[in-house]
Amino acid sequence: MQLKKDKIRNQVFFINADDSTILKRYSETRRKHPLGLLVKDGIAEERKMMQAVKKVADQEIDTTNMTIGELKNTLGTLIGLPSDKKQLLLSIMSFGFKYGIANEADIVFDVRFIPNPNYVSGLKTKTGRDAAVVKYIEKQNEYNKFFHRIADLLKDLLPGYIKEGKSQLTIAIGCTGGRHRSVATAEKLAKFFIKNKYKVKLYHRDIA
């Protein structure tokens, strides 16, 4: 290939699978083969056309029994990317149920079981970012047990998402108005995962 002739450093990976697997994948996508033939004939023709590329490939990757996540991790390893928590971006957000659930969330936790600081004198105008609100919430016995349980649960789940090739996971914490309990919990959860070396993006949807 021209890149090799020009002595440009490169690696060629030839991604392959057996015919039955490719047929199944086409069936699942409900797409016709780009060569415009019956899928079975298109695969055979495509194999002939790709022989030249296959010959110059540095490595052939058989994806017949691979999940998308396994393929992603395999390619990442081959090009020197770490297959660990650094590849997963955690988006942690707070929201208020009265403004609608967070539709973009992969996982949602509801903290409306905690007494609402909105009805406590001096806390109504504050938010979950304020120390007084955090102190009030953390005084509730049920809250600390809840927080440790969800933090440990998520910590145990995240390696599975990484293995399956997930690059971003959105965790949403909801309370009634999205200003006190959900904000304080999202802030605390973000600090927990930053401490555990994850990349974290924090967003308060309804704090205003």
N, C-alpha and C. Protein backbone atom coordinates (compact mmCIF):
# COMPACT_ATOMS: atom_id res chain seq x y z
N MET A 1 0.84 -1.19 0.00
CA MET A 1 0.00 0.00 0.00
C MET A 1 0.88 1.25 0.00
N GLN A 2 0.29 2.37 -0.41
CA GLN A 2 1.07 3.59 -0.59
C GLN A 2 1.71 4.08 0.70
N LEU A 3 1.01 3.93 1.82
CA LEU A 3 1.57 4.37 3.10
C LEU A 3 2.87 3.65 3.42
N LYS A 4 2.90 2.35 3.14
CA LYS A 4 4.11 1.57 3.40
C LYS A 4 5.22 1.98 2.44
N LYS A 5 4.85 2.22 1.18
CA LYS A 5 5.85 2.65 0.19
C LYS A 5 6.47 3.98 0.58
N ASP A 6 5.63 4.86 1.14
CA ASP A 6 6.13 6.17 1.56
C ASP A 6 6.79 6.14 2.93
N LYS A 7 6.89 4.93 3.49
CA LYS A 7 7.51 4.72 4.80
C LYS A 7 6.85 5.54 5.91
N ILE A 8 5.52 5.67 5.79
CA ILE A 8 4.74 6.32 6.84
C ILE A 8 4.32 5.25 7.84
N ARG A 9 4.66 5.48 9.08
CA ARG A 9 4.38 4.47 10.10
C ARG A 9 2.87 4.25 10.24
N ASN A 10 2.45 3.00 10.15
CA ASN A 10 1.03 2.70 10.25
C ASN A 10 0.83 1.24 10.63
N GLN A 11 -0.37 0.94 11.04
CA GLN A 11 -0.77 -0.43 11.32
C GLN A 11 -2.10 -0.69 10.63
N VAL A 12 -2.21 -1.85 10.01
CA VAL A 12 -3.46 -2.22 9.33
C VAL A 12 -4.07 -3.41 10.06
N PHE A 13 -5.31 -3.22 10.53
CA PHE A 13 -6.04 -4.30 11.18
C PHE A 13 -7.17 -4.74 10.26
N PHE A 14 -7.19 -6.01 9.95
CA PHE A 14 -8.23 -6.57 9.08
C PHE A 14 -9.28 -7.24 9.96
N ILE A 15 -10.47 -6.65 10.00
CA ILE A 15 -11.54 -7.16 10.87
C ILE A 15 -12.41 -8.12 10.07
N ASN A 16 -12.55 -9.32 10.60
CA ASN A 16 -13.21 -10.38 9.86
C ASN A 16 -14.22 -11.11 10.74
N ALA A 17 -15.04 -11.96 10.12
CA ALA A 17 -15.98 -12.84 10.84
C ALA A 17 -16.40 -13.92 9.85
N ASP A 18 -16.95 -15.01 10.37
CA ASP A 18 -17.37 -16.05 9.44
C ASP A 18 -18.67 -15.65 8.74
N ASP A 19 -18.99 -16.33 7.64
CA ASP A 19 -20.13 -15.94 6.80
C ASP A 19 -21.44 -15.94 7.57
N SER A 20 -21.68 -16.95 8.38
CA SER A 20 -22.96 -17.04 9.09
C SER A 20 -23.14 -15.87 10.06
N THR A 21 -22.04 -15.44 10.69
CA THR A 21 -22.11 -14.30 11.61
C THR A 21 -22.40 -13.01 10.86
N ILE A 22 -21.74 -12.83 9.71
CA ILE A 22 -21.99 -11.62 8.91
C ILE A 22 -23.42 -11.60 8.40
N LEU A 23 -23.92 -12.76 7.96
CA LEU A 23 -25.32 -12.86 7.51
C LEU A 23 -26.28 -12.47 8.64
N LYS A 24 -25.99 -12.96 9.85
CA LYS A 24 -26.83 -12.65 10.99
C LYS A 24 -26.81 -11.15 11.30
N ARG A 25 -25.64 -10.54 11.21
CA ARG A 25 -25.53 -9.10 11.50
C ARG A 25 -26.29 -8.27 10.47
N TYR A 26 -26.22 -8.67 9.20
CA TYR A 26 -27.01 -7.98 8.18
C TYR A 26 -28.50 -8.13 8.44
N SER A 27 -28.89 -9.33 8.88
CA SER A 27 -30.29 -9.58 9.18
C SER A 27 -30.78 -8.69 10.31
N GLU A 28 -29.93 -8.49 11.33
CA GLU A 28 -30.30 -7.67 12.48
C GLU A 28 -30.40 -6.20 12.11
N THR A 29 -29.56 -5.73 11.19
CA THR A 29 -29.59 -4.32 10.79
C THR A 29 -30.62 -4.04 9.70
N ARG A 30 -31.09 -5.11 9.04
CA ARG A 30 -32.07 -5.00 7.95
C ARG A 30 -31.58 -4.11 6.81
N ARG A 31 -30.30 -4.19 6.54
CA ARG A 31 -29.71 -3.41 5.45
C ARG A 31 -29.28 -4.35 4.32
N LYS A 32 -29.35 -3.84 3.11
CA LYS A 32 -28.87 -4.64 1.99
C LYS A 32 -27.36 -4.50 1.90
N HIS A 33 -26.74 -5.42 1.19
CA HIS A 33 -25.29 -5.37 1.06
C HIS A 33 -24.91 -4.20 0.14
N PRO A 34 -23.84 -3.46 0.46
CA PRO A 34 -23.47 -2.29 -0.36
C PRO A 34 -23.14 -2.61 -1.81
N LEU A 35 -22.82 -3.88 -2.11
CA LEU A 35 -22.55 -4.24 -3.51
C LEU A 35 -23.84 -4.46 -4.30
N GLY A 36 -24.97 -4.36 -3.60
CA GLY A 36 -26.26 -4.44 -4.28
C GLY A 36 -26.70 -5.83 -4.66
N LEU A 37 -26.02 -6.86 -4.15
CA LEU A 37 -26.36 -8.24 -4.47
C LEU A 37 -27.13 -8.86 -3.30
N LEU A 38 -27.54 -10.11 -3.46
CA LEU A 38 -28.03 -10.85 -2.30
C LEU A 38 -26.92 -10.85 -1.26
N VAL A 39 -27.27 -10.78 0.00
CA VAL A 39 -26.25 -10.64 1.04
C VAL A 39 -25.20 -11.73 0.95
N LYS A 40 -25.61 -12.98 0.75
CA LYS A 40 -24.68 -14.09 0.67
C LYS A 40 -23.69 -13.89 -0.47
N ASP A 41 -24.21 -13.47 -1.63
CA ASP A 41 -23.34 -13.24 -2.80
C ASP A 41 -22.47 -12.00 -2.59
N GLY A 42 -23.04 -11.00 -1.92
CA GLY A 42 -22.29 -9.78 -1.65
C GLY A 42 -21.09 -10.03 -0.75
N ILE A 43 -21.28 -10.89 0.24
CA ILE A 43 -20.18 -11.23 1.15
C ILE A 43 -19.07 -11.93 0.39
N ALA A 44 -19.44 -12.87 -0.48
CA ALA A 44 -18.43 -13.60 -1.27
C ALA A 44 -17.65 -12.65 -2.17
N GLU A 45 -18.36 -11.70 -2.80
CA GLU A 45 -17.70 -10.74 -3.69
C GLU A 45 -16.81 -9.79 -2.89
N GLU A 46 -17.30 -9.39 -1.73
CA GLU A 46 -16.52 -8.49 -0.88
C GLU A 46 -15.23 -9.16 -0.42
N ARG A 47 -15.29 -10.44 -0.11
CA ARG A 47 -14.08 -11.16 0.32
C ARG A 47 -13.02 -11.15 -0.78
N LYS A 48 -13.46 -11.32 -2.03
CA LYS A 48 -12.51 -11.28 -3.16
C LYS A 48 -11.86 -9.89 -3.26
N MET A 49 -12.69 -8.86 -3.15
CA MET A 49 -12.19 -7.49 -3.28
C MET A 49 -11.23 -7.10 -2.16
N MET A 50 -11.43 -7.68 -0.96
CA MET A 50 -10.62 -7.30 0.20
C MET A 50 -9.37 -8.15 0.37
N GLN A 51 -9.10 -9.06 -0.52
CA GLN A 51 -7.92 -9.92 -0.40
C GLN A 51 -6.63 -9.12 -0.38
N ALA A 52 -6.57 -8.07 -1.19
CA ALA A 52 -5.36 -7.25 -1.24
C ALA A 52 -5.09 -6.58 0.10
N VAL A 53 -6.16 -6.11 0.74
CA VAL A 53 -6.01 -5.47 2.05
C VAL A 53 -5.62 -6.50 3.09
N LYS A 54 -6.24 -7.67 3.02
CA LYS A 54 -5.94 -8.73 3.99
C LYS A 54 -4.48 -9.13 3.93
N LYS A 55 -3.90 -9.16 2.73
CA LYS A 55 -2.51 -9.58 2.56
C LYS A 55 -1.52 -8.63 3.23
N VAL A 56 -1.85 -7.34 3.25
CA VAL A 56 -0.91 -6.36 3.82
C VAL A 56 -1.23 -6.04 5.28
N ALA A 57 -2.28 -6.64 5.82
CA ALA A 57 -2.66 -6.34 7.20
C ALA A 57 -1.62 -6.83 8.20
N ASP A 58 -1.38 -6.04 9.21
CA ASP A 58 -0.46 -6.44 10.27
C ASP A 58 -1.09 -7.48 11.18
N GLN A 59 -2.40 -7.41 11.30
CA GLN A 59 -3.08 -8.36 12.16
C GLN A 59 -4.53 -8.53 11.71
N GLU A 60 -5.01 -9.77 11.74
CA GLU A 60 -6.40 -10.05 11.43
C GLU A 60 -7.14 -10.30 12.75
N ILE A 61 -8.30 -9.66 12.90
CA ILE A 61 -9.09 -9.80 14.11
C ILE A 61 -10.39 -10.51 13.75
N ASP A 62 -10.57 -11.68 14.32
CA ASP A 62 -11.79 -12.45 14.07
C ASP A 62 -12.84 -12.05 15.11
N THR A 63 -13.91 -11.40 14.65
CA THR A 63 -14.94 -10.89 15.57
C THR A 63 -16.14 -11.83 15.69
N THR A 64 -16.02 -13.05 15.15
CA THR A 64 -17.15 -13.97 15.12
C THR A 64 -17.82 -14.12 16.49
N ASN A 65 -17.03 -14.30 17.53
CA ASN A 65 -17.59 -14.53 18.86
C ASN A 65 -17.39 -13.35 19.80
N MET A 66 -17.14 -12.16 19.22
CA MET A 66 -16.89 -10.98 20.03
C MET A 66 -18.14 -10.12 20.20
N THR A 67 -18.25 -9.48 21.37
CA THR A 67 -19.25 -8.43 21.55
C THR A 67 -18.61 -7.12 21.06
N ILE A 68 -19.43 -6.08 20.92
CA ILE A 68 -18.90 -4.77 20.52
C ILE A 68 -17.88 -4.28 21.55
N GLY A 69 -18.19 -4.51 22.83
CA GLY A 69 -17.28 -4.07 23.89
C GLY A 69 -15.93 -4.77 23.81
N GLU A 70 -15.97 -6.08 23.53
CA GLU A 70 -14.72 -6.83 23.42
C GLU A 70 -13.89 -6.37 22.23
N LEU A 71 -14.56 -6.05 21.12
CA LEU A 71 -13.84 -5.53 19.95
C LEU A 71 -13.20 -4.18 20.27
N LYS A 72 -13.96 -3.33 20.93
CA LYS A 72 -13.44 -2.01 21.29
C LYS A 72 -12.21 -2.14 22.18
N ASN A 73 -12.29 -3.01 23.18
CA ASN A 73 -11.15 -3.20 24.09
C ASN A 73 -9.95 -3.81 23.37
N THR A 74 -10.22 -4.75 22.42
CA THR A 74 -9.14 -5.36 21.66
C THR A 74 -8.41 -4.32 20.83
N LEU A 75 -9.17 -3.48 20.13
CA LEU A 75 -8.56 -2.42 19.31
C LEU A 75 -7.82 -1.42 20.19
N GLY A 76 -8.41 -1.09 21.34
CA GLY A 76 -7.76 -0.15 22.25
C GLY A 76 -6.42 -0.68 22.74
N THR A 77 -6.38 -1.97 23.06
CA THR A 77 -5.12 -2.60 23.51
C THR A 77 -4.08 -2.58 22.40
N LEU A 78 -4.51 -2.86 21.16
CA LEU A 78 -3.58 -2.92 20.04
C LEU A 78 -2.95 -1.56 19.72
N ILE A 79 -3.69 -0.48 19.97
CA ILE A 79 -3.13 0.84 19.68
C ILE A 79 -2.58 1.52 20.94
N GLY A 80 -2.55 0.75 22.04
CA GLY A 80 -1.89 1.25 23.24
C GLY A 80 -2.76 2.00 24.22
N LEU A 81 -4.10 1.91 24.06
CA LEU A 81 -4.98 2.57 25.03
C LEU A 81 -5.19 1.65 26.23
N PRO A 82 -5.24 2.22 27.42
CA PRO A 82 -5.49 1.38 28.60
C PRO A 82 -6.94 0.93 28.63
N SER A 83 -7.15 -0.35 28.90
CA SER A 83 -8.51 -0.88 28.99
C SER A 83 -8.95 -0.85 30.45
N ASP A 84 -9.19 0.36 30.95
CA ASP A 84 -9.55 0.49 32.36
C ASP A 84 -10.53 1.63 32.54
N LYS A 85 -10.69 2.07 33.79
CA LYS A 85 -11.69 3.08 34.13
C LYS A 85 -11.45 4.43 33.44
N LYS A 86 -10.22 4.71 32.96
CA LYS A 86 -9.94 5.98 32.32
C LYS A 86 -10.71 6.14 31.01
N GLN A 87 -11.21 5.04 30.45
CA GLN A 87 -11.94 5.11 29.20
C GLN A 87 -13.41 5.43 29.41
N LEU A 88 -13.89 5.43 30.64
CA LEU A 88 -15.30 5.66 30.93
C LEU A 88 -15.49 7.05 31.52
N LEU A 89 -16.36 7.85 30.89
CA LEU A 89 -16.71 9.15 31.44
C LEU A 89 -18.02 9.01 32.19
N LEU A 90 -18.00 9.38 33.47
CA LEU A 90 -19.21 9.36 34.27
C LEU A 90 -19.85 10.74 34.26
N SER A 91 -21.07 10.82 33.78
CA SER A 91 -21.84 12.06 33.85
C SER A 91 -22.81 11.91 35.01
N ILE A 92 -22.61 12.71 36.03
CA ILE A 92 -23.46 12.66 37.21
C ILE A 92 -24.29 13.93 37.25
N MET A 93 -25.61 13.77 37.29
CA MET A 93 -26.47 14.95 37.23
C MET A 93 -27.55 14.91 38.31
N SER A 94 -27.99 16.10 38.71
CA SER A 94 -29.14 16.21 39.60
C SER A 94 -30.30 16.77 38.79
N PHE A 95 -31.52 16.46 39.22
CA PHE A 95 -32.69 16.99 38.52
C PHE A 95 -33.89 16.98 39.47
N GLY A 96 -34.93 17.72 39.10
CA GLY A 96 -36.17 17.75 39.87
C GLY A 96 -37.26 16.98 39.14
N PHE A 97 -37.90 16.05 39.84
CA PHE A 97 -38.95 15.25 39.21
C PHE A 97 -40.11 16.12 38.72
N LYS A 98 -40.38 17.24 39.39
CA LYS A 98 -41.52 18.06 38.98
C LYS A 98 -41.28 18.75 37.63
N TYR A 99 -40.02 18.74 37.16
CA TYR A 99 -39.71 19.29 35.85
C TYR A 99 -39.51 18.20 34.80
N GLY A 100 -39.78 16.97 35.18
CA GLY A 100 -39.63 15.85 34.25
C GLY A 100 -38.41 15.02 34.56
N ILE A 101 -38.53 13.71 34.35
CA ILE A 101 -37.41 12.81 34.62
C ILE A 101 -36.26 13.07 33.64
N ALA A 102 -35.06 12.68 34.03
CA ALA A 102 -33.87 12.86 33.17
C ALA A 102 -33.84 11.75 32.13
N ASN A 103 -34.35 12.03 30.94
CA ASN A 103 -34.48 11.00 29.90
C ASN A 103 -33.13 10.49 29.39
N GLU A 104 -32.08 11.29 29.54
CA GLU A 104 -30.78 10.89 29.04
C GLU A 104 -30.04 9.95 29.99
N ALA A 105 -30.62 9.71 31.16
CA ALA A 105 -29.93 8.93 32.20
C ALA A 105 -29.93 7.44 31.89
N ASP A 106 -28.81 6.80 32.22
CA ASP A 106 -28.72 5.34 32.16
C ASP A 106 -29.21 4.72 33.46
N ILE A 107 -28.93 5.41 34.57
CA ILE A 107 -29.32 4.95 35.90
C ILE A 107 -29.91 6.14 36.67
N VAL A 108 -31.06 5.93 37.33
CA VAL A 108 -31.71 7.00 38.09
C VAL A 108 -31.91 6.57 39.54
N PHE A 109 -31.55 7.47 40.47
CA PHE A 109 -31.83 7.25 41.88
C PHE A 109 -32.76 8.36 42.38
N ASP A 110 -33.71 7.98 43.23
CA ASP A 110 -34.71 8.91 43.75
C ASP A 110 -34.42 9.17 45.23
N VAL A 111 -34.12 10.44 45.58
CA VAL A 111 -33.81 10.75 46.98
C VAL A 111 -34.94 11.52 47.67
N ARG A 112 -36.16 11.38 47.16
CA ARG A 112 -37.30 12.08 47.77
C ARG A 112 -37.73 11.47 49.10
N PHE A 113 -37.15 10.34 49.48
CA PHE A 113 -37.48 9.73 50.78
C PHE A 113 -36.81 10.48 51.93
N ILE A 114 -35.84 11.34 51.61
CA ILE A 114 -35.13 12.11 52.64
C ILE A 114 -35.96 13.36 52.97
N PRO A 115 -36.08 13.76 54.24
CA PRO A 115 -36.80 14.99 54.59
C PRO A 115 -36.30 16.17 53.75
N ASN A 116 -37.24 16.96 53.28
CA ASN A 116 -36.93 18.01 52.31
C ASN A 116 -36.43 19.29 53.00
N PRO A 117 -35.20 19.72 52.74
CA PRO A 117 -34.68 20.96 53.34
C PRO A 117 -35.46 22.20 52.91
N ASN A 118 -36.23 22.08 51.85
CA ASN A 118 -37.01 23.21 51.35
C ASN A 118 -37.99 23.73 52.41
N TYR A 119 -38.38 22.85 53.34
CA TYR A 119 -39.34 23.23 54.37
C TYR A 119 -38.69 23.52 55.72
N VAL A 120 -37.39 23.66 55.70
CA VAL A 120 -36.65 23.97 56.93
C VAL A 120 -36.25 25.44 56.91
N SER A 121 -36.54 26.14 58.00
CA SER A 121 -36.24 27.56 58.08
C SER A 121 -34.76 27.83 57.81
N GLY A 122 -34.50 28.76 56.90
CA GLY A 122 -33.14 29.15 56.58
C GLY A 122 -32.49 28.34 55.48
N LEU A 123 -33.13 27.24 55.03
CA LEU A 123 -32.54 26.39 54.00
C LEU A 123 -33.23 26.51 52.64
N LYS A 124 -34.45 27.04 52.64
CA LYS A 124 -35.25 27.10 51.41
C LYS A 124 -34.51 27.77 50.26
N THR A 125 -33.85 28.90 50.53
CA THR A 125 -33.19 29.67 49.47
C THR A 125 -31.78 29.16 49.16
N LYS A 126 -31.31 28.20 49.94
CA LYS A 126 -29.98 27.64 49.69
C LYS A 126 -30.10 26.45 48.74
N THR A 127 -28.96 25.85 48.39
CA THR A 127 -28.96 24.68 47.52
C THR A 127 -28.10 23.57 48.14
N GLY A 128 -28.09 22.45 47.48
CA GLY A 128 -27.29 21.32 47.95
C GLY A 128 -25.80 21.54 47.89
N ARG A 129 -25.38 22.68 47.37
CA ARG A 129 -23.96 23.04 47.38
C ARG A 129 -23.57 23.74 48.68
N ASP A 130 -24.56 24.20 49.43
CA ASP A 130 -24.30 24.94 50.66
C ASP A 130 -24.08 23.99 51.84
N ALA A 131 -23.11 24.33 52.67
CA ALA A 131 -22.73 23.46 53.79
C ALA A 131 -23.89 23.19 54.74
N ALA A 132 -24.74 24.18 54.95
CA ALA A 132 -25.85 24.02 55.89
C ALA A 132 -26.85 22.96 55.38
N VAL A 133 -27.07 22.96 54.09
CA VAL A 133 -27.98 21.97 53.50
C VAL A 133 -27.35 20.57 53.57
N VAL A 134 -26.09 20.48 53.23
CA VAL A 134 -25.38 19.20 53.29
C VAL A 134 -25.40 18.65 54.71
N LYS A 135 -25.16 19.51 55.69
CA LYS A 135 -25.15 19.09 57.09
C LYS A 135 -26.52 18.55 57.49
N TYR A 136 -27.59 19.24 57.06
CA TYR A 136 -28.95 18.81 57.39
C TYR A 136 -29.24 17.44 56.78
N ILE A 137 -28.87 17.26 55.52
CA ILE A 137 -29.14 15.99 54.83
C ILE A 137 -28.35 14.84 55.45
N GLU A 138 -27.10 15.09 55.75
CA GLU A 138 -26.25 14.02 56.28
C GLU A 138 -26.57 13.67 57.73
N LYS A 139 -27.38 14.50 58.40
CA LYS A 139 -27.84 14.18 59.75
C LYS A 139 -28.92 13.10 59.73
N GLN A 140 -29.52 12.90 58.56
CA GLN A 140 -30.59 11.90 58.45
C GLN A 140 -29.96 10.51 58.39
N ASN A 141 -30.30 9.66 59.34
CA ASN A 141 -29.69 8.32 59.42
C ASN A 141 -29.88 7.51 58.15
N GLU A 142 -31.06 7.59 57.55
CA GLU A 142 -31.34 6.80 56.35
C GLU A 142 -30.51 7.25 55.15
N TYR A 143 -30.07 8.52 55.17
CA TYR A 143 -29.32 9.04 54.02
C TYR A 143 -27.94 8.40 53.91
N ASN A 144 -27.20 8.36 55.00
CA ASN A 144 -25.83 7.84 54.94
C ASN A 144 -25.80 6.37 54.54
N LYS A 145 -26.75 5.59 55.05
CA LYS A 145 -26.84 4.19 54.65
C LYS A 145 -27.13 4.09 53.15
N PHE A 146 -28.06 4.91 52.68
CA PHE A 146 -28.42 4.93 51.26
C PHE A 146 -27.22 5.30 50.38
N PHE A 147 -26.52 6.36 50.77
CA PHE A 147 -25.41 6.82 49.94
C PHE A 147 -24.33 5.76 49.82
N HIS A 148 -23.94 5.15 50.91
CA HIS A 148 -22.88 4.14 50.86
C HIS A 148 -23.29 2.93 50.03
N ARG A 149 -24.57 2.59 50.09
CA ARG A 149 -25.05 1.46 49.31
C ARG A 149 -25.01 1.74 47.81
N ILE A 150 -25.46 2.93 47.40
CA ILE A 150 -25.45 3.21 45.95
C ILE A 150 -24.02 3.43 45.45
N ALA A 151 -23.17 4.02 46.28
CA ALA A 151 -21.77 4.23 45.87
C ALA A 151 -21.08 2.88 45.66
N ASP A 152 -21.28 1.96 46.60
CA ASP A 152 -20.66 0.64 46.47
C ASP A 152 -21.26 -0.15 45.30
N LEU A 153 -22.57 -0.02 45.12
CA LEU A 153 -23.23 -0.71 44.00
C LEU A 153 -22.66 -0.23 42.67
N LEU A 154 -22.58 1.08 42.49
CA LEU A 154 -22.07 1.63 41.23
C LEU A 154 -20.60 1.25 41.02
N LYS A 155 -19.84 1.29 42.07
CA LYS A 155 -18.42 0.93 41.97
C LYS A 155 -18.26 -0.51 41.49
N ASP A 156 -19.17 -1.39 41.93
CA ASP A 156 -19.13 -2.79 41.50
C ASP A 156 -19.62 -2.96 40.06
N LEU A 157 -20.56 -2.10 39.64
CA LEU A 157 -21.15 -2.23 38.31
C LEU A 157 -20.26 -1.67 37.19
N LEU A 158 -19.53 -0.61 37.48
CA LEU A 158 -18.80 0.11 36.43
C LEU A 158 -17.82 -0.75 35.63
N PRO A 159 -17.07 -1.67 36.26
CA PRO A 159 -16.18 -2.51 35.44
C PRO A 159 -16.92 -3.30 34.37
N GLY A 160 -18.16 -3.70 34.65
CA GLY A 160 -18.96 -4.42 33.65
C GLY A 160 -19.31 -3.53 32.48
N TYR A 161 -19.66 -2.27 32.75
CA TYR A 161 -19.95 -1.33 31.66
C TYR A 161 -18.71 -1.09 30.81
N ILE A 162 -17.56 -0.98 31.47
CA ILE A 162 -16.30 -0.78 30.75
C ILE A 162 -16.01 -1.98 29.86
N LYS A 163 -16.20 -3.17 30.38
CA LYS A 163 -15.95 -4.41 29.62
C LYS A 163 -16.83 -4.48 28.39
N GLU A 164 -18.06 -3.96 28.51
CA GLU A 164 -19.00 -3.99 27.38
C GLU A 164 -18.79 -2.84 26.41
N GLY A 165 -17.76 -2.02 26.66
CA GLY A 165 -17.40 -0.97 25.71
C GLY A 165 -18.11 0.35 25.91
N LYS A 166 -18.76 0.52 27.05
CA LYS A 166 -19.46 1.78 27.32
C LYS A 166 -18.43 2.89 27.53
N SER A 167 -18.58 4.00 26.80
CA SER A 167 -17.62 5.10 26.92
C SER A 167 -18.15 6.21 27.81
N GLN A 168 -19.48 6.29 27.98
CA GLN A 168 -20.06 7.30 28.86
C GLN A 168 -21.28 6.71 29.56
N LEU A 169 -21.39 6.98 30.85
CA LEU A 169 -22.52 6.50 31.64
C LEU A 169 -23.09 7.68 32.40
N THR A 170 -24.40 7.89 32.25
CA THR A 170 -25.06 9.01 32.93
C THR A 170 -25.86 8.51 34.12
N ILE A 171 -25.50 9.02 35.29
CA ILE A 171 -26.16 8.66 36.54
C ILE A 171 -26.93 9.89 37.02
N ALA A 172 -28.24 9.76 37.17
CA ALA A 172 -29.07 10.91 37.56
C ALA A 172 -29.63 10.71 38.96
N ILE A 173 -29.60 11.79 39.74
CA ILE A 173 -30.15 11.79 41.10
C ILE A 173 -31.30 12.78 41.12
N GLY A 174 -32.50 12.31 41.48
CA GLY A 174 -33.66 13.19 41.44
C GLY A 174 -34.29 13.43 42.81
N CYS A 175 -34.73 14.67 43.02
CA CYS A 175 -35.56 14.99 44.18
C CYS A 175 -36.75 15.80 43.65
N THR A 176 -37.52 16.43 44.50
CA THR A 176 -38.73 17.10 44.03
C THR A 176 -38.41 18.27 43.10
N GLY A 177 -37.60 19.22 43.59
CA GLY A 177 -37.32 20.42 42.80
C GLY A 177 -35.95 20.48 42.17
N GLY A 178 -35.07 19.55 42.53
CA GLY A 178 -33.75 19.52 41.92
C GLY A 178 -32.80 20.58 42.46
N ARG A 179 -33.02 21.02 43.72
CA ARG A 179 -32.17 22.09 44.27
C ARG A 179 -31.40 21.68 45.52
N HIS A 180 -31.95 20.76 46.31
CA HIS A 180 -31.33 20.46 47.60
C HIS A 180 -30.77 19.04 47.68
N ARG A 181 -31.67 18.05 47.90
CA ARG A 181 -31.23 16.68 48.14
C ARG A 181 -30.49 16.07 46.96
N SER A 182 -31.01 16.25 45.76
CA SER A 182 -30.37 15.67 44.58
C SER A 182 -29.02 16.33 44.29
N VAL A 183 -28.95 17.64 44.51
CA VAL A 183 -27.70 18.37 44.27
C VAL A 183 -26.61 17.92 45.23
N ALA A 184 -26.97 17.85 46.52
CA ALA A 184 -25.99 17.43 47.53
C ALA A 184 -25.49 16.01 47.25
N THR A 185 -26.41 15.12 46.85
CA THR A 185 -26.03 13.73 46.59
C THR A 185 -25.17 13.61 45.34
N ALA A 186 -25.53 14.35 44.29
CA ALA A 186 -24.73 14.33 43.06
C ALA A 186 -23.32 14.85 43.31
N GLU A 187 -23.22 15.92 44.11
CA GLU A 187 -21.91 16.48 44.46
C GLU A 187 -21.07 15.45 45.21
N LYS A 188 -21.68 14.78 46.17
CA LYS A 188 -20.96 13.80 46.98
C LYS A 188 -20.55 12.59 46.14
N LEU A 189 -21.44 12.16 45.24
CA LEU A 189 -21.14 11.02 44.39
C LEU A 189 -20.00 11.35 43.41
N ALA A 190 -20.01 12.58 42.90
CA ALA A 190 -18.93 13.00 41.99
C ALA A 190 -17.58 12.97 42.71
N LYS A 191 -17.55 13.47 43.93
CA LYS A 191 -16.30 13.45 44.71
C LYS A 191 -15.83 12.02 44.98
N PHE A 192 -16.79 11.13 45.26
CA PHE A 192 -16.47 9.74 45.51
C PHE A 192 -15.77 9.10 44.31
N PHE A 193 -16.30 9.34 43.10
CA PHE A 193 -15.72 8.70 41.92
C PHE A 193 -14.45 9.40 41.43
N ILE A 194 -14.33 10.68 41.67
CA ILE A 194 -13.07 11.36 41.37
C ILE A 194 -11.96 10.78 42.25
N LYS A 195 -12.29 10.55 43.52
CA LYS A 195 -11.33 9.94 44.45
C LYS A 195 -10.93 8.54 43.99
N ASN A 196 -11.87 7.85 43.32
CA ASN A 196 -11.60 6.51 42.80
C ASN A 196 -11.04 6.52 41.38
N LYS A 197 -10.55 7.70 40.93
CA LYS A 197 -9.80 7.85 39.68
C LYS A 197 -10.65 7.74 38.41
N TYR A 198 -11.94 8.03 38.50
CA TYR A 198 -12.77 8.07 37.30
C TYR A 198 -12.83 9.50 36.76
N LYS A 199 -13.08 9.59 35.45
CA LYS A 199 -13.35 10.90 34.85
C LYS A 199 -14.81 11.23 35.10
N VAL A 200 -15.07 12.41 35.66
CA VAL A 200 -16.43 12.76 36.07
C VAL A 200 -16.83 14.13 35.52
N LYS A 201 -18.04 14.18 34.99
CA LYS A 201 -18.65 15.46 34.59
C LYS A 201 -19.90 15.65 35.45
N LEU A 202 -20.00 16.78 36.15
CA LEU A 202 -21.09 17.03 37.07
C LEU A 202 -22.01 18.11 36.51
N TYR A 203 -23.33 17.87 36.59
CA TYR A 203 -24.30 18.80 36.00
C TYR A 203 -25.54 18.87 36.86
N HIS A 204 -25.97 20.08 37.22
CA HIS A 204 -27.19 20.28 37.98
C HIS A 204 -28.25 20.89 37.06
N ARG A 205 -29.18 20.07 36.61
CA ARG A 205 -30.13 20.51 35.59
C ARG A 205 -31.09 21.60 36.06
N ASP A 206 -31.59 21.46 37.29
CA ASP A 206 -32.68 22.33 37.73
C ASP A 206 -32.33 23.19 38.94
N ILE A 207 -31.06 23.39 39.18
CA ILE A 207 -30.65 24.11 40.38
C ILE A 207 -31.12 25.57 40.35
N ALA A 208 -31.32 26.11 39.16
CA ALA A 208 -31.76 27.52 39.05
C ALA A 208 -33.27 27.63 39.12
